Amino acid sequence: MGAVEQDNEETESDREIEVKHRKINWFWPLGMAATGVAGVLLLALRGCWHRRMSWPVRAQGRTYQVCLGCGVKRLFDEKRFCSYGPFRNELNELIEWERTHTPELNSGQHPQRNAS
């Protein structure tokens, strides 16, 4: 009888270990899925980070840079060799922005420099 009871205890402990092992196996794929979903949401909400900008391009009397990832444009100051102003898809919008903000730029304030 002692051997049968010992076998039952072993099988119960094996079952407990098996159940724990099954639970642990779910954590890894679930964590990976959650991380992937969070990354996709961040990319969808934030969009392009504008990390890769082209060399300055000159057109219509203005100098600007183009994001190589999404194609958005940003004004560029050749004297200070830095970009400034907002990101826009149309060059005409940037020219209009610069025209409306020229008094601010000429009054000694430095152009707005956002991280790019």
C-alpha atoms as a PDB file:
ATOM      1  CA  MET A   1       0.000   0.000   0.000  1.00  0.00           C
ATOM      2  CA  GLY A   2       2.837   2.424   0.770  1.00  0.00           C
ATOM      3  CA  ALA A   3       4.142   2.199  -2.794  1.00  0.00           C
ATOM      4  CA  VAL A   4       0.726   3.020  -4.300  1.00  0.00           C
ATOM      5  CA  GLU A   5       0.324   6.108  -2.064  1.00  0.00           C
ATOM      6  CA  GLN A   6       3.827   7.231  -3.008  1.00  0.00           C
ATOM      7  CA  ASP A   7       2.994   6.854  -6.724  1.00  0.00           C
ATOM      8  CA  ASN A   8      -0.179   8.923  -6.251  1.00  0.00           C
ATOM      9  CA  GLU A   9       1.808  11.694  -4.504  1.00  0.00           C
ATOM     10  CA  GLU A  10       4.358  11.710  -7.318  1.00  0.00           C
ATOM     11  CA  THR A  11       1.707  11.957 -10.009  1.00  0.00           C
ATOM     12  CA  GLU A  12      -0.037  14.782  -8.122  1.00  0.00           C
ATOM     13  CA  SER A  13       3.219  16.698  -7.809  1.00  0.00           C
ATOM     14  CA  ASP A  14       3.954  16.042 -11.491  1.00  0.00           C
ATOM     15  CA  ARG A  15       0.510  17.402 -12.378  1.00  0.00           C
ATOM     16  CA  GLU A  16       1.094  20.532 -10.270  1.00  0.00           C
ATOM     17  CA  ILE A  17       4.428  21.130 -11.993  1.00  0.00           C
ATOM     18  CA  GLU A  18       2.791  20.554 -15.378  1.00  0.00           C
ATOM     19  CA  VAL A  19       0.015  23.059 -14.606  1.00  0.00           C
ATOM     20  CA  LYS A  20       2.570  25.649 -13.415  1.00  0.00           C
ATOM     21  CA  HIS A  21       4.640  25.030 -16.545  1.00  0.00           C
ATOM     22  CA  ARG A  22       1.570  25.621 -18.743  1.00  0.00           C
ATOM     23  CA  LYS A  23       0.834  28.883 -16.952  1.00  0.00           C
ATOM     24  CA  ILE A  24       4.413  30.092 -17.378  1.00  0.00           C
ATOM     25  CA  ASN A  25       4.357  29.240 -21.096  1.00  0.00           C
ATOM     26  CA  TRP A  26       1.474  31.689 -21.594  1.00  0.00           C
ATOM     27  CA  PHE A  27       3.327  34.644 -20.085  1.00  0.00           C
ATOM     28  CA  TRP A  28       6.026  34.861 -22.729  1.00  0.00           C
ATOM     29  CA  PRO A  29       3.792  34.963 -25.857  1.00  0.00           C
ATOM     30  CA  LEU A  30       1.316  37.228 -24.105  1.00  0.00           C
ATOM     31  CA  GLY A  31       4.113  39.640 -23.152  1.00  0.00           C
ATOM     32  CA  MET A  32       5.495  39.645 -26.679  1.00  0.00           C
ATOM     33  CA  ALA A  33       2.048  40.345 -28.132  1.00  0.00           C
ATOM     34  CA  ALA A  34       1.474  43.208 -25.690  1.00  0.00           C
ATOM     35  CA  THR A  35       4.866  44.720 -26.547  1.00  0.00           C
ATOM     36  CA  GLY A  36       4.160  44.449 -30.274  1.00  0.00           C
ATOM     37  CA  VAL A  37       0.744  46.073 -29.927  1.00  0.00           C
ATOM     38  CA  ALA A  38       2.208  48.895 -27.839  1.00  0.00           C
ATOM     39  CA  GLY A  39       4.899  49.506 -30.476  1.00  0.00           C
ATOM     40  CA  VAL A  40       2.351  49.616 -33.287  1.00  0.00           C
ATOM     41  CA  LEU A  41       0.150  52.035 -31.331  1.00  0.00           C
ATOM     42  CA  LEU A  42       3.117  54.304 -30.624  1.00  0.00           C
ATOM     43  CA  LEU A  43       4.072  54.335 -34.291  1.00  0.00           C
ATOM     44  CA  ALA A  44       0.466  54.946 -35.381  1.00  0.00           C
ATOM     45  CA  LEU A  45      -0.077  57.771 -32.912  1.00  0.00           C
ATOM     46  CA  ARG A  46       3.314  59.445 -33.315  1.00  0.00           C
ATOM     47  CA  GLY A  47       4.062  58.766 -36.966  1.00  0.00           C
ATOM     48  CA  CYS A  48       7.453  59.571 -38.443  1.00  0.00           C
ATOM     49  CA  TRP A  49      10.152  60.840 -36.064  1.00  0.00           C
ATOM     50  CA  HIS A  50      11.896  62.842 -38.854  1.00  0.00           C
ATOM     51  CA  ARG A  51      15.331  61.482 -37.902  1.00  0.00           C
ATOM     52  CA  ARG A  52      16.684  61.250 -41.451  1.00  0.00           C
ATOM     53  CA  MET A  53      16.637  64.668 -43.095  1.00  0.00           C
ATOM     54  CA  SER A  54      18.093  65.455 -46.519  1.00  0.00           C
ATOM     55  CA  TRP A  55      20.827  67.954 -47.184  1.00  0.00           C
ATOM     56  CA  PRO A  56      19.494  71.504 -47.582  1.00  0.00           C
ATOM     57  CA  VAL A  57      17.650  72.108 -50.854  1.00  0.00           C
ATOM     58  CA  ARG A  58      17.160  75.543 -52.416  1.00  0.00           C
ATOM     59  CA  ALA A  59      13.929  76.386 -54.269  1.00  0.00           C
ATOM     60  CA  GLN A  60      11.781  79.496 -54.715  1.00  0.00           C
ATOM     61  CA  GLY A  61      14.382  81.593 -52.888  1.00  0.00           C
ATOM     62  CA  ARG A  62      14.132  79.488 -49.717  1.00  0.00           C
ATOM     63  CA  THR A  63      16.292  76.748 -48.278  1.00  0.00           C
ATOM     64  CA  TYR A  64      14.632  73.729 -46.685  1.00  0.00           C
ATOM     65  CA  GLN A  65      15.207  70.100 -45.760  1.00  0.00           C
ATOM     66  CA  VAL A  66      13.057  67.088 -46.610  1.00  0.00           C
ATOM     67  CA  CYS A  67      12.444  64.102 -44.317  1.00  0.00           C
ATOM     68  CA  LEU A  68      13.594  60.994 -46.161  1.00  0.00           C
ATOM     69  CA  GLY A  69      11.053  58.866 -44.294  1.00  0.00           C
ATOM     70  CA  CYS A  70       7.800  60.716 -44.953  1.00  0.00           C
ATOM     71  CA  GLY A  71       8.637  63.625 -47.293  1.00  0.00           C
ATOM     72  CA  VAL A  72       7.674  66.483 -44.968  1.00  0.00           C
ATOM     73  CA  LYS A  73       9.650  69.742 -45.354  1.00  0.00           C
ATOM     74  CA  ARG A  74      11.233  72.152 -42.853  1.00  0.00           C
ATOM     75  CA  LEU A  75      12.925  75.507 -43.383  1.00  0.00           C
ATOM     76  CA  PHE A  76      16.702  75.697 -43.085  1.00  0.00           C
ATOM     77  CA  ASP A  77      18.923  78.620 -42.057  1.00  0.00           C
ATOM     78  CA  GLU A  78      22.134  78.537 -44.109  1.00  0.00           C
ATOM     79  CA  LYS A  79      23.944  81.067 -41.900  1.00  0.00           C
ATOM     80  CA  ARG A  80      23.381  79.137 -38.684  1.00  0.00           C
ATOM     81  CA  PHE A  81      23.276  75.766 -40.508  1.00  0.00           C
ATOM     82  CA  CYS A  82      20.205  74.516 -38.649  1.00  0.00           C
ATOM     83  CA  SER A  83      16.560  73.849 -39.426  1.00  0.00           C
ATOM     84  CA  TYR A  84      13.760  75.891 -37.884  1.00  0.00           C
ATOM     85  CA  GLY A  85      10.019  76.303 -37.967  1.00  0.00           C
ATOM     86  CA  PRO A  86       7.253  73.752 -38.272  1.00  0.00           C
ATOM     87  CA  PHE A  87       7.124  70.641 -40.421  1.00  0.00           C
ATOM     88  CA  ARG A  88       4.802  71.011 -43.426  1.00  0.00           C
ATOM     89  CA  ASN A  89       4.063  69.021 -46.571  1.00  0.00           C
ATOM     90  CA  GLU A  90       3.830  72.061 -48.846  1.00  0.00           C
ATOM     91  CA  LEU A  91       6.679  74.506 -49.404  1.00  0.00           C
ATOM     92  CA  ASN A  92       4.163  77.331 -49.927  1.00  0.00           C
ATOM     93  CA  GLU A  93       2.852  76.777 -46.375  1.00  0.00           C
ATOM     94  CA  LEU A  94       6.401  77.095 -45.031  1.00  0.00           C
ATOM     95  CA  ILE A  95       6.959  80.287 -47.029  1.00  0.00           C
ATOM     96  CA  GLU A  96       3.730  81.712 -45.597  1.00  0.00           C
ATOM     97  CA  TRP A  97       4.781  80.724 -42.067  1.00  0.00           C
ATOM     98  CA  GLU A  98       8.169  82.387 -42.540  1.00  0.00           C
ATOM     99  CA  ARG A  99       6.563  85.532 -43.934  1.00  0.00           C
ATOM    100  CA  THR A 100       4.235  85.857 -40.914  1.00  0.00           C
ATOM    101  CA  HIS A 101       7.022  85.163 -38.417  1.00  0.00           C
ATOM    102  CA  THR A 102       9.791  87.252 -40.033  1.00  0.00           C
ATOM    103  CA  PRO A 103       9.491  90.160 -37.534  1.00  0.00           C
ATOM    104  CA  GLU A 104      10.062  87.701 -34.697  1.00  0.00           C
ATOM    105  CA  LEU A 105      13.109  86.240 -36.420  1.00  0.00           C
ATOM    106  CA  ASN A 106      14.614  89.619 -37.251  1.00  0.00           C
ATOM    107  CA  SER A 107      14.093  91.041 -33.755  1.00  0.00           C
ATOM    108  CA  GLY A 108      17.069  89.106 -32.442  1.00  0.00           C
ATOM    109  CA  GLN A 109      15.229  85.984 -31.357  1.00  0.00           C
ATOM    110  CA  HIS A 110      16.642  82.740 -32.594  1.00  0.00           C
ATOM    111  CA  PRO A 111      14.506  80.612 -34.891  1.00  0.00           C
ATOM    112  CA  GLN A 112      12.486  77.908 -33.214  1.00  0.00           C
ATOM    113  CA  ARG A 113      14.525  74.717 -33.011  1.00  0.00           C
ATOM    114  CA  ASN A 114      12.530  71.570 -32.397  1.00  0.00           C
ATOM    115  CA  ALA A 115      14.249  68.258 -31.987  1.00  0.00           C
ATOM    116  CA  SER A 116      14.484  66.598 -35.369  1.00  0.00           C
END
